[in-house]
Amino acid sequence: MSGKYLGTALDGSPASPKFLAAYTRLTGKQPNLIEEYEAWGDGFDTAGVRTSWARGALTLISWEPRGTTMNAIAQGHSDAYIRKFALAVRRLNLPVVIDFADEMNGFWEDWGPKHATAAQYVAAYRRVHDDFTDLGVANVIWTWAPNIVNPAPDVALSPYYPGDGYVDWLGMIGYFTRYEYTFPVVYGRTLTALRAITDKPVVIVETAAEPTARRTADIRQLFAGVTADDGIVGFVWFDQSKRADWRLEAGSAASVREFRRLATAPLYGFDVRDRVRGIS
């Protein structure tokens, strides 16, 4: 592909000019993929998606169905809410990425293996997708994103895959920690598992590196791995302080300079309005 997504998930309102301008100054390039987190019951952020699009950025919605169950969704108990959300997406008529119930292989999630079977998860994912399809919503890039399988959780991914007719992008969630410090170590097993399922494009929907002395090297590993793999369309840097301080400014000046040097390469970042009208 001619360019890769340079994404971020920011504290506060992700489409806020204040937050986005500060992040852009820090990195030297405006992100073109902006991740938002929507709780189950939240409305579609029409204004935020429109604002991001006006700046040349695509919105990725991580939709987190807490407060219900996969079985309840599969049985249609949330149809009224899902359809209201879907109609708002259709009315806006701008491309948007929806990542429904990610990390489904993680025991820590309310929809993970402790709370739902793979069959229940797949049925719920398909129900949400079908509700959109029934209403003629055609401007969604559907994303299915497990947590990395190295070193855990050791849960087979293929039973959780909704099927090629329901997924446009594969996602991965995985961070560089003190135990995982090269691109192949962080993502290698997961990429192998995903590509045994399908050849859909891959996006890293959440990543970052701990603010240790090794962060500069971790950033270099991230960019090098994404750059070298034609099947990976980009990544989202989780620029928040949750469980660790993943924000770029929390690291050393050297790590910020390295991120900026790599982010300003021509491969990263493009105006999505010039290209995205579906899967790209």
C-alpha atoms as a PDB file:
ATOM      1  CA  MET A   1       0.000   0.000   0.000  1.00  0.00           C
ATOM      2  CA  SER A   2       1.121   3.599  -0.576  1.00  0.00           C
ATOM      3  CA  GLY A   3       0.776   4.684   3.053  1.00  0.00           C
ATOM      4  CA  LYS A   4       0.164   3.326   6.538  1.00  0.00           C
ATOM      5  CA  TYR A   5      -2.068   4.537   9.307  1.00  0.00           C
ATOM      6  CA  LEU A   6      -0.400   6.488  12.075  1.00  0.00           C
ATOM      7  CA  GLY A   7      -2.975   6.299  14.825  1.00  0.00           C
ATOM      8  CA  THR A   8      -3.463   7.401  18.398  1.00  0.00           C
ATOM      9  CA  ALA A   9      -5.847   6.914  21.299  1.00  0.00           C
ATOM     10  CA  LEU A  10      -5.683  10.096  23.344  1.00  0.00           C
ATOM     11  CA  ASP A  11      -6.785  11.052  26.841  1.00  0.00           C
ATOM     12  CA  GLY A  12      -9.870  13.211  26.956  1.00  0.00           C
ATOM     13  CA  SER A  13     -11.915  13.875  23.853  1.00  0.00           C
ATOM     14  CA  PRO A  14      -9.917  12.265  21.028  1.00  0.00           C
ATOM     15  CA  ALA A  15     -11.263  14.653  18.419  1.00  0.00           C
ATOM     16  CA  SER A  16     -10.569  17.732  20.555  1.00  0.00           C
ATOM     17  CA  PRO A  17      -8.427  20.307  18.737  1.00  0.00           C
ATOM     18  CA  LYS A  18      -6.486  20.887  21.971  1.00  0.00           C
ATOM     19  CA  PHE A  19      -5.459  17.254  22.464  1.00  0.00           C
ATOM     20  CA  LEU A  20      -4.851  16.558  18.809  1.00  0.00           C
ATOM     21  CA  ALA A  21      -2.799  19.718  18.261  1.00  0.00           C
ATOM     22  CA  ALA A  22      -0.564  18.930  21.249  1.00  0.00           C
ATOM     23  CA  TYR A  23       0.000  15.371  20.055  1.00  0.00           C
ATOM     24  CA  THR A  24       0.729  16.542  16.523  1.00  0.00           C
ATOM     25  CA  ARG A  25       3.296  19.045  17.777  1.00  0.00           C
ATOM     26  CA  LEU A  26       4.964  16.301  19.765  1.00  0.00           C
ATOM     27  CA  THR A  27       5.123  13.751  16.938  1.00  0.00           C
ATOM     28  CA  GLY A  28       5.613  16.085  13.987  1.00  0.00           C
ATOM     29  CA  LYS A  29       2.689  14.585  12.077  1.00  0.00           C
ATOM     30  CA  GLN A  30      -1.055  14.565  12.601  1.00  0.00           C
ATOM     31  CA  PRO A  31      -2.511  11.093  13.166  1.00  0.00           C
ATOM     32  CA  ASN A  32      -4.827   9.831  10.442  1.00  0.00           C
ATOM     33  CA  LEU A  33      -6.483   7.151  12.598  1.00  0.00           C
ATOM     34  CA  ILE A  34      -8.060   8.300  15.865  1.00  0.00           C
ATOM     35  CA  GLU A  35      -9.392   5.727  18.308  1.00  0.00           C
ATOM     36  CA  GLU A  36     -12.399   6.335  20.521  1.00  0.00           C
ATOM     37  CA  TYR A  37     -13.811   4.051  23.211  1.00  0.00           C
ATOM     38  CA  GLU A  38     -17.585   3.701  23.358  1.00  0.00           C
ATOM     39  CA  ALA A  39     -19.372   1.992  26.249  1.00  0.00           C
ATOM     40  CA  TRP A  40     -22.427  -0.135  25.579  1.00  0.00           C
ATOM     41  CA  GLY A  41     -25.317   2.300  25.640  1.00  0.00           C
ATOM     42  CA  ASP A  42     -23.294   5.280  24.425  1.00  0.00           C
ATOM     43  CA  GLY A  43     -24.521   7.099  21.345  1.00  0.00           C
ATOM     44  CA  PHE A  44     -22.544   7.392  18.135  1.00  0.00           C
ATOM     45  CA  ASP A  45     -20.135  10.341  18.320  1.00  0.00           C
ATOM     46  CA  THR A  46     -21.272  12.044  15.121  1.00  0.00           C
ATOM     47  CA  ALA A  47     -19.532  15.335  15.895  1.00  0.00           C
ATOM     48  CA  GLY A  48     -16.233  13.680  16.798  1.00  0.00           C
ATOM     49  CA  VAL A  49     -16.160  11.512  13.694  1.00  0.00           C
ATOM     50  CA  ARG A  50     -17.005  14.496  11.506  1.00  0.00           C
ATOM     51  CA  THR A  51     -14.293  16.617  13.142  1.00  0.00           C
ATOM     52  CA  SER A  52     -11.659  13.931  12.694  1.00  0.00           C
ATOM     53  CA  TRP A  53     -12.662  13.395   9.060  1.00  0.00           C
ATOM     54  CA  ALA A  54     -12.381  17.117   8.384  1.00  0.00           C
ATOM     55  CA  ARG A  55      -8.761  16.866   9.532  1.00  0.00           C
ATOM     56  CA  GLY A  56      -8.060  13.916   7.249  1.00  0.00           C
ATOM     57  CA  ALA A  57      -8.367  11.231   9.939  1.00  0.00           C
ATOM     58  CA  LEU A  58     -10.448   8.075  10.122  1.00  0.00           C
ATOM     59  CA  THR A  59     -12.183   7.215  13.411  1.00  0.00           C
ATOM     60  CA  LEU A  60     -11.774   3.778  14.971  1.00  0.00           C
ATOM     61  CA  ILE A  61     -14.470   2.991  17.529  1.00  0.00           C
ATOM     62  CA  SER A  62     -13.626   0.398  20.157  1.00  0.00           C
ATOM     63  CA  TRP A  63     -17.131  -0.677  21.173  1.00  0.00           C
ATOM     64  CA  GLU A  64     -17.105  -2.286  24.624  1.00  0.00           C
ATOM     65  CA  PRO A  65     -20.291  -4.227  25.519  1.00  0.00           C
ATOM     66  CA  ARG A  66     -20.090  -4.142  29.304  1.00  0.00           C
ATOM     67  CA  GLY A  67     -23.268  -4.503  31.303  1.00  0.00           C
ATOM     68  CA  THR A  68     -24.721  -7.197  29.073  1.00  0.00           C
ATOM     69  CA  THR A  69     -23.701 -10.635  27.805  1.00  0.00           C
ATOM     70  CA  MET A  70     -22.759 -12.071  24.450  1.00  0.00           C
ATOM     71  CA  ASN A  71     -25.725 -14.423  24.683  1.00  0.00           C
ATOM     72  CA  ALA A  72     -28.140 -11.550  25.317  1.00  0.00           C
ATOM     73  CA  ILE A  73     -26.789  -9.615  22.332  1.00  0.00           C
ATOM     74  CA  ALA A  74     -26.975 -12.715  20.140  1.00  0.00           C
ATOM     75  CA  GLN A  75     -30.603 -13.203  21.128  1.00  0.00           C
ATOM     76  CA  GLY A  76     -31.489  -9.664  20.079  1.00  0.00           C
ATOM     77  CA  HIS A  77     -31.889  -8.014  23.485  1.00  0.00           C
ATOM     78  CA  SER A  78     -29.787  -5.040  22.368  1.00  0.00           C
ATOM     79  CA  ASP A  79     -31.231  -4.712  18.871  1.00  0.00           C
ATOM     80  CA  ALA A  80     -33.020  -1.414  19.564  1.00  0.00           C
ATOM     81  CA  TYR A  81     -29.808   0.190  20.803  1.00  0.00           C
ATOM     82  CA  ILE A  82     -27.641  -1.305  18.041  1.00  0.00           C
ATOM     83  CA  ARG A  83     -30.052  -0.157  15.345  1.00  0.00           C
ATOM     84  CA  LYS A  84     -30.219   3.373  16.743  1.00  0.00           C
ATOM     85  CA  PHE A  85     -26.420   3.494  16.684  1.00  0.00           C
ATOM     86  CA  ALA A  86     -26.361   2.033  13.166  1.00  0.00           C
ATOM     87  CA  LEU A  87     -28.829   4.587  11.843  1.00  0.00           C
ATOM     88  CA  ALA A  88     -26.646   7.402  13.184  1.00  0.00           C
ATOM     89  CA  VAL A  89     -23.636   5.889  11.396  1.00  0.00           C
ATOM     90  CA  ARG A  90     -25.637   5.638   8.176  1.00  0.00           C
ATOM     91  CA  ARG A  91     -26.901   9.214   8.409  1.00  0.00           C
ATOM     92  CA  LEU A  92     -23.386  10.580   8.793  1.00  0.00           C
ATOM     93  CA  ASN A  93     -22.292   8.613   5.734  1.00  0.00           C
ATOM     94  CA  LEU A  94     -18.563   8.851   6.452  1.00  0.00           C
ATOM     95  CA  PRO A  95     -16.259   5.839   6.724  1.00  0.00           C
ATOM     96  CA  VAL A  96     -15.756   4.614  10.279  1.00  0.00           C
ATOM     97  CA  VAL A  97     -13.976   1.612  11.764  1.00  0.00           C
ATOM     98  CA  ILE A  98     -15.868  -0.425  14.352  1.00  0.00           C
ATOM     99  CA  ASP A  99     -13.927  -2.817  16.574  1.00  0.00           C
ATOM    100  CA  PHE A 100     -16.601  -4.721  18.495  1.00  0.00           C
ATOM    101  CA  ALA A 101     -15.736  -6.498  21.773  1.00  0.00           C
ATOM    102  CA  ASP A 102     -12.018  -6.817  21.198  1.00  0.00           C
ATOM    103  CA  GLU A 103      -9.664  -8.897  23.347  1.00  0.00           C
ATOM    104  CA  MET A 104     -12.315 -11.617  23.288  1.00  0.00           C
ATOM    105  CA  ASN A 105      -9.560 -14.110  24.111  1.00  0.00           C
ATOM    106  CA  GLY A 106      -8.691 -12.234  27.312  1.00  0.00           C
ATOM    107  CA  PHE A 107      -9.956 -13.622  30.599  1.00  0.00           C
ATOM    108  CA  TRP A 108     -10.094 -10.067  32.019  1.00  0.00           C
ATOM    109  CA  GLU A 109     -12.850  -8.956  29.647  1.00  0.00           C
ATOM    110  CA  ASP A 110     -16.555  -9.284  30.498  1.00  0.00           C
ATOM    111  CA  TRP A 111     -17.025 -11.027  27.145  1.00  0.00           C
ATOM    112  CA  GLY A 112     -13.888 -13.158  27.447  1.00  0.00           C
ATOM    113  CA  PRO A 113     -13.583 -16.938  27.957  1.00  0.00           C
ATOM    114  CA  LYS A 114     -14.689 -16.751  31.611  1.00  0.00           C
ATOM    115  CA  HIS A 115     -18.020 -15.251  30.608  1.00  0.00           C
ATOM    116  CA  ALA A 116     -18.846 -16.417  27.072  1.00  0.00           C
ATOM    117  CA  THR A 117     -18.141 -19.322  24.792  1.00  0.00           C
ATOM    118  CA  ALA A 118     -16.568 -18.775  21.408  1.00  0.00           C
ATOM    119  CA  ALA A 119     -19.899 -19.657  19.782  1.00  0.00           C
ATOM    120  CA  GLN A 120     -21.737 -17.040  21.864  1.00  0.00           C
ATOM    121  CA  TYR A 121     -19.148 -14.420  20.990  1.00  0.00           C
ATOM    122  CA  VAL A 122     -19.378 -15.162  17.262  1.00  0.00           C
ATOM    123  CA  ALA A 123     -23.177 -15.085  17.392  1.00  0.00           C
ATOM    124  CA  ALA A 124     -23.113 -11.689  19.135  1.00  0.00           C
ATOM    125  CA  TYR A 125     -20.605 -10.218  16.675  1.00  0.00           C
ATOM    126  CA  ARG A 126     -22.679 -11.444  13.740  1.00  0.00           C
ATOM    127  CA  ARG A 127     -25.887 -10.083  15.293  1.00  0.00           C
ATOM    128  CA  VAL A 128     -24.376  -6.598  15.590  1.00  0.00           C
ATOM    129  CA  HIS A 129     -23.033  -6.752  12.031  1.00  0.00           C
ATOM    130  CA  ASP A 130     -26.350  -8.062  10.669  1.00  0.00           C
ATOM    131  CA  ASP A 131     -28.317  -5.302  12.374  1.00  0.00           C
ATOM    132  CA  PHE A 132     -26.160  -2.772  10.519  1.00  0.00           C
ATOM    133  CA  THR A 133     -26.460  -4.663   7.240  1.00  0.00           C
ATOM    134  CA  ASP A 134     -30.248  -4.946   7.541  1.00  0.00           C
ATOM    135  CA  LEU A 135     -30.399  -1.148   7.741  1.00  0.00           C
ATOM    136  CA  GLY A 136     -28.213  -0.676   4.681  1.00  0.00           C
ATOM    137  CA  VAL A 137     -25.177   0.654   6.582  1.00  0.00           C
ATOM    138  CA  ALA A 138     -22.282   0.302   4.156  1.00  0.00           C
ATOM    139  CA  ASN A 139     -19.734   2.776   5.535  1.00  0.00           C
ATOM    140  CA  VAL A 140     -18.229   0.595   8.298  1.00  0.00           C
ATOM    141  CA  ILE A 141     -14.853  -1.142   8.253  1.00  0.00           C
ATOM    142  CA  TRP A 142     -15.535  -4.062  10.601  1.00  0.00           C
ATOM    143  CA  THR A 143     -12.551  -5.047  12.727  1.00  0.00           C
ATOM    144  CA  TRP A 144     -11.958  -8.164  14.830  1.00  0.00           C
ATOM    145  CA  ALA A 145      -9.112  -7.701  17.299  1.00  0.00           C
ATOM    146  CA  PRO A 146      -7.830 -10.332  19.741  1.00  0.00           C
ATOM    147  CA  ASN A 147      -5.182  -9.674  22.322  1.00  0.00           C
ATOM    148  CA  ILE A 148      -1.745 -10.977  21.416  1.00  0.00           C
ATOM    149  CA  VAL A 149      -1.259 -14.643  22.290  1.00  0.00           C
ATOM    150  CA  ASN A 150       2.317 -14.245  23.525  1.00  0.00           C
ATOM    151  CA  PRO A 151       2.941 -15.192  26.276  1.00  0.00           C
ATOM    152  CA  ALA A 152      -0.709 -15.444  27.271  1.00  0.00           C
ATOM    153  CA  PRO A 153      -3.591 -15.981  26.987  1.00  0.00           C
ATOM    154  CA  ASP A 154      -3.169 -19.351  25.297  1.00  0.00           C
ATOM    155  CA  VAL A 155      -6.658 -19.381  23.757  1.00  0.00           C
ATOM    156  CA  ALA A 156      -7.205 -20.621  20.207  1.00  0.00           C
ATOM    157  CA  LEU A 157      -8.319 -17.711  18.028  1.00  0.00           C
ATOM    158  CA  SER A 158      -9.989 -19.481  15.120  1.00  0.00           C
ATOM    159  CA  PRO A 159     -13.166 -20.483  17.054  1.00  0.00           C
ATOM    160  CA  TYR A 160     -13.754 -16.791  17.799  1.00  0.00           C
ATOM    161  CA  TYR A 161     -13.475 -15.617  14.199  1.00  0.00           C
ATOM    162  CA  PRO A 162     -16.870 -14.423  12.884  1.00  0.00           C
ATOM    163  CA  GLY A 163     -15.985 -15.203   9.257  1.00  0.00           C
ATOM    164  CA  ASP A 164     -14.694 -13.339   6.224  1.00  0.00           C
ATOM    165  CA  GLY A 165     -18.179 -12.073   5.416  1.00  0.00           C
ATOM    166  CA  TYR A 166     -18.238 -10.225   8.737  1.00  0.00           C
ATOM    167  CA  VAL A 167     -14.708  -8.873   9.034  1.00  0.00           C
ATOM    168  CA  ASP A 168     -12.766  -6.339   6.937  1.00  0.00           C
ATOM    169  CA  TRP A 169      -9.670  -5.851   9.099  1.00  0.00           C
ATOM    170  CA  LEU A 170      -7.960  -8.095  11.594  1.00  0.00           C
ATOM    171  CA  GLY A 171      -6.722  -6.328  14.688  1.00  0.00           C
ATOM    172  CA  MET A 172      -4.142  -6.984  17.367  1.00  0.00           C
ATOM    173  CA  ILE A 173      -3.715  -5.518  20.830  1.00  0.00           C
ATOM    174  CA  GLY A 174      -0.232  -5.866  22.252  1.00  0.00           C
ATOM    175  CA  TYR A 175       2.283  -3.723  24.111  1.00  0.00           C
ATOM    176  CA  PHE A 176       6.039  -3.621  24.473  1.00  0.00           C
ATOM    177  CA  THR A 177       6.730  -4.460  28.120  1.00  0.00           C
ATOM    178  CA  ARG A 178       9.791  -5.468  30.068  1.00  0.00           C
ATOM    179  CA  TYR A 179       9.167  -9.046  28.950  1.00  0.00           C
ATOM    180  CA  GLU A 180       8.301  -8.395  25.312  1.00  0.00           C
ATOM    181  CA  TYR A 181      10.780  -6.250  23.492  1.00  0.00           C
ATOM    182  CA  THR A 182      11.049  -7.128  19.823  1.00  0.00           C
ATOM    183  CA  PHE A 183       8.401  -6.986  17.145  1.00  0.00           C
ATOM    184  CA  PRO A 184       8.517 -10.767  16.461  1.00  0.00           C
ATOM    185  CA  VAL A 185       8.306 -11.538  20.185  1.00  0.00           C
ATOM    186  CA  VAL A 186       5.318  -9.240  20.708  1.00  0.00           C
ATOM    187  CA  TYR A 187       3.352 -10.029  17.560  1.00  0.00           C
ATOM    188  CA  GLY A 188       4.882 -13.036  15.798  1.00  0.00           C
ATOM    189  CA  ARG A 189       2.733 -15.848  17.204  1.00  0.00           C
ATOM    190  CA  THR A 190      -0.433 -13.806  16.837  1.00  0.00           C
ATOM    191  CA  LEU A 191       0.297 -12.875  13.222  1.00  0.00           C
ATOM    192  CA  THR A 192       0.919 -16.531  12.418  1.00  0.00           C
ATOM    193  CA  ALA A 193      -2.400 -17.498  14.033  1.00  0.00           C
ATOM    194  CA  LEU A 194      -4.323 -14.737  12.249  1.00  0.00           C
ATOM    195  CA  ARG A 195      -2.879 -15.541   8.858  1.00  0.00           C
ATOM    196  CA  ALA A 196      -3.802 -19.185   9.295  1.00  0.00           C
ATOM    197  CA  ILE A 197      -7.410 -17.968   9.517  1.00  0.00           C
ATOM    198  CA  THR A 198      -7.580 -15.406   6.707  1.00  0.00           C
ATOM    199  CA  ASP A 199      -5.525 -13.014   4.606  1.00  0.00           C
ATOM    200  CA  LYS A 200      -7.432  -9.868   5.607  1.00  0.00           C
ATOM    201  CA  PRO A 201      -5.403  -6.696   6.336  1.00  0.00           C
ATOM    202  CA  VAL A 202      -4.071  -6.300   9.875  1.00  0.00           C
ATOM    203  CA  VAL A 203      -4.088  -3.185  12.046  1.00  0.00           C
ATOM    204  CA  ILE A 204      -2.546  -2.923  15.510  1.00  0.00           C
ATOM    205  CA  VAL A 205      -5.445  -1.247  17.305  1.00  0.00           C
ATOM    206  CA  GLU A 206      -3.558  -0.680  20.582  1.00  0.00           C
ATOM    207  CA  THR A 207       0.132  -0.579  21.328  1.00  0.00           C
ATOM    208  CA  ALA A 208       2.708   1.416  23.246  1.00  0.00           C
ATOM    209  CA  ALA A 209       5.950   0.870  25.145  1.00  0.00           C
ATOM    210  CA  GLU A 210       6.661   1.262  28.824  1.00  0.00           C
ATOM    211  CA  PRO A 211       8.626   4.444  29.631  1.00  0.00           C
ATOM    212  CA  THR A 212      11.816   2.584  30.495  1.00  0.00           C
ATOM    213  CA  ALA A 213      15.357   3.026  29.219  1.00  0.00           C
ATOM    214  CA  ARG A 214      14.455   0.640  26.406  1.00  0.00           C
ATOM    215  CA  ARG A 215      11.552   2.677  25.025  1.00  0.00           C
ATOM    216  CA  THR A 216      13.570   4.197  22.176  1.00  0.00           C
ATOM    217  CA  ALA A 217      14.506   0.705  20.981  1.00  0.00           C
ATOM    218  CA  ASP A 218      10.889  -0.473  21.381  1.00  0.00           C
ATOM    219  CA  ILE A 219       9.640   2.396  19.215  1.00  0.00           C
ATOM    220  CA  ARG A 220      12.218   1.510  16.600  1.00  0.00           C
ATOM    221  CA  GLN A 221      11.054  -2.114  16.692  1.00  0.00           C
ATOM    222  CA  LEU A 222       7.405  -1.102  16.281  1.00  0.00           C
ATOM    223  CA  PHE A 223       7.978   1.077  13.246  1.00  0.00           C
ATOM    224  CA  ALA A 224      10.385  -1.386  11.650  1.00  0.00           C
ATOM    225  CA  GLY A 225       7.952  -4.292  12.045  1.00  0.00           C
ATOM    226  CA  VAL A 226       4.960  -2.409  10.685  1.00  0.00           C
ATOM    227  CA  THR A 227       7.013  -0.950   7.830  1.00  0.00           C
ATOM    228  CA  ALA A 228       8.373  -4.342   6.765  1.00  0.00           C
ATOM    229  CA  ASP A 229       5.016  -6.139   6.698  1.00  0.00           C
ATOM    230  CA  ASP A 230       2.865  -5.228   3.702  1.00  0.00           C
ATOM    231  CA  GLY A 231      -0.118  -6.903   5.315  1.00  0.00           C
ATOM    232  CA  ILE A 232      -0.123  -4.518   8.299  1.00  0.00           C
ATOM    233  CA  VAL A 233      -1.928  -1.289   7.428  1.00  0.00           C
ATOM    234  CA  GLY A 234      -0.826   0.697  10.478  1.00  0.00           C
ATOM    235  CA  PHE A 235      -0.985   1.025  14.254  1.00  0.00           C
ATOM    236  CA  VAL A 236      -2.576   3.031  17.057  1.00  0.00           C
ATOM    237  CA  TRP A 237      -0.364   4.320  19.874  1.00  0.00           C
ATOM    238  CA  PHE A 238      -2.270   4.219  23.181  1.00  0.00           C
ATOM    239  CA  ASP A 239      -1.269   7.646  24.506  1.00  0.00           C
ATOM    240  CA  GLN A 240      -2.839   7.365  27.927  1.00  0.00           C
ATOM    241  CA  SER A 241      -1.824   6.652  31.504  1.00  0.00           C
ATOM    242  CA  LYS A 242      -3.691   3.491  32.486  1.00  0.00           C
ATOM    243  CA  ARG A 243      -1.992   0.663  34.376  1.00  0.00           C
ATOM    244  CA  ALA A 244       1.241   2.245  33.124  1.00  0.00           C
ATOM    245  CA  ASP A 245       2.074   5.640  31.701  1.00  0.00           C
ATOM    246  CA  TRP A 246       2.085   4.926  27.978  1.00  0.00           C
ATOM    247  CA  ARG A 247       2.038   8.591  26.911  1.00  0.00           C
ATOM    248  CA  LEU A 248       4.856   9.558  24.610  1.00  0.00           C
ATOM    249  CA  GLU A 249       5.792  12.510  26.771  1.00  0.00           C
ATOM    250  CA  ALA A 250       6.288  10.151  29.725  1.00  0.00           C
ATOM    251  CA  GLY A 251       9.386   8.728  28.050  1.00  0.00           C
ATOM    252  CA  SER A 252      12.802  10.201  27.525  1.00  0.00           C
ATOM    253  CA  ALA A 253      13.493  13.032  25.126  1.00  0.00           C
ATOM    254  CA  ALA A 254      15.421  10.522  23.009  1.00  0.00           C
ATOM    255  CA  SER A 255      12.387   8.247  22.681  1.00  0.00           C
ATOM    256  CA  VAL A 256      10.181  11.165  21.634  1.00  0.00           C
ATOM    257  CA  ARG A 257      12.752  12.227  19.043  1.00  0.00           C
ATOM    258  CA  GLU A 258      12.891   8.684  17.667  1.00  0.00           C
ATOM    259  CA  PHE A 259       9.113   8.439  17.401  1.00  0.00           C
ATOM    260  CA  ARG A 260       9.032  11.800  15.658  1.00  0.00           C
ATOM    261  CA  ARG A 261      11.811  10.824  13.248  1.00  0.00           C
ATOM    262  CA  LEU A 262      10.027   7.633  12.224  1.00  0.00           C
ATOM    263  CA  ALA A 263       6.510   9.104  12.182  1.00  0.00           C
ATOM    264  CA  THR A 264       7.499  11.858   9.763  1.00  0.00           C
ATOM    265  CA  ALA A 265       8.627   9.318   7.142  1.00  0.00           C
ATOM    266  CA  PRO A 266       6.525   9.565   3.957  1.00  0.00           C
ATOM    267  CA  LEU A 267       5.065   6.064   4.473  1.00  0.00           C
ATOM    268  CA  TYR A 268       3.198   7.121   7.605  1.00  0.00           C
ATOM    269  CA  GLY A 269       0.131   9.267   7.509  1.00  0.00           C
ATOM    270  CA  PHE A 270      -2.011  10.292   4.564  1.00  0.00           C
ATOM    271  CA  ASP A 271      -5.214  12.244   4.177  1.00  0.00           C
ATOM    272  CA  VAL A 272      -7.923   9.605   4.436  1.00  0.00           C
ATOM    273  CA  ARG A 273     -10.310  11.791   2.456  1.00  0.00           C
ATOM    274  CA  ASP A 274      -8.142  11.160  -0.595  1.00  0.00           C
ATOM    275  CA  ARG A 275      -8.381   7.387  -0.329  1.00  0.00           C
ATOM    276  CA  VAL A 276     -10.759   5.806   2.137  1.00  0.00           C
ATOM    277  CA  ARG A 277     -14.147   4.851   0.788  1.00  0.00           C
ATOM    278  CA  GLY A 278     -14.280   1.371   2.234  1.00  0.00           C
ATOM    279  CA  ILE A 279     -11.422  -0.974   3.023  1.00  0.00           C
ATOM    280  CA  SER A 280      -8.027   0.553   2.395  1.00  0.00           C
END
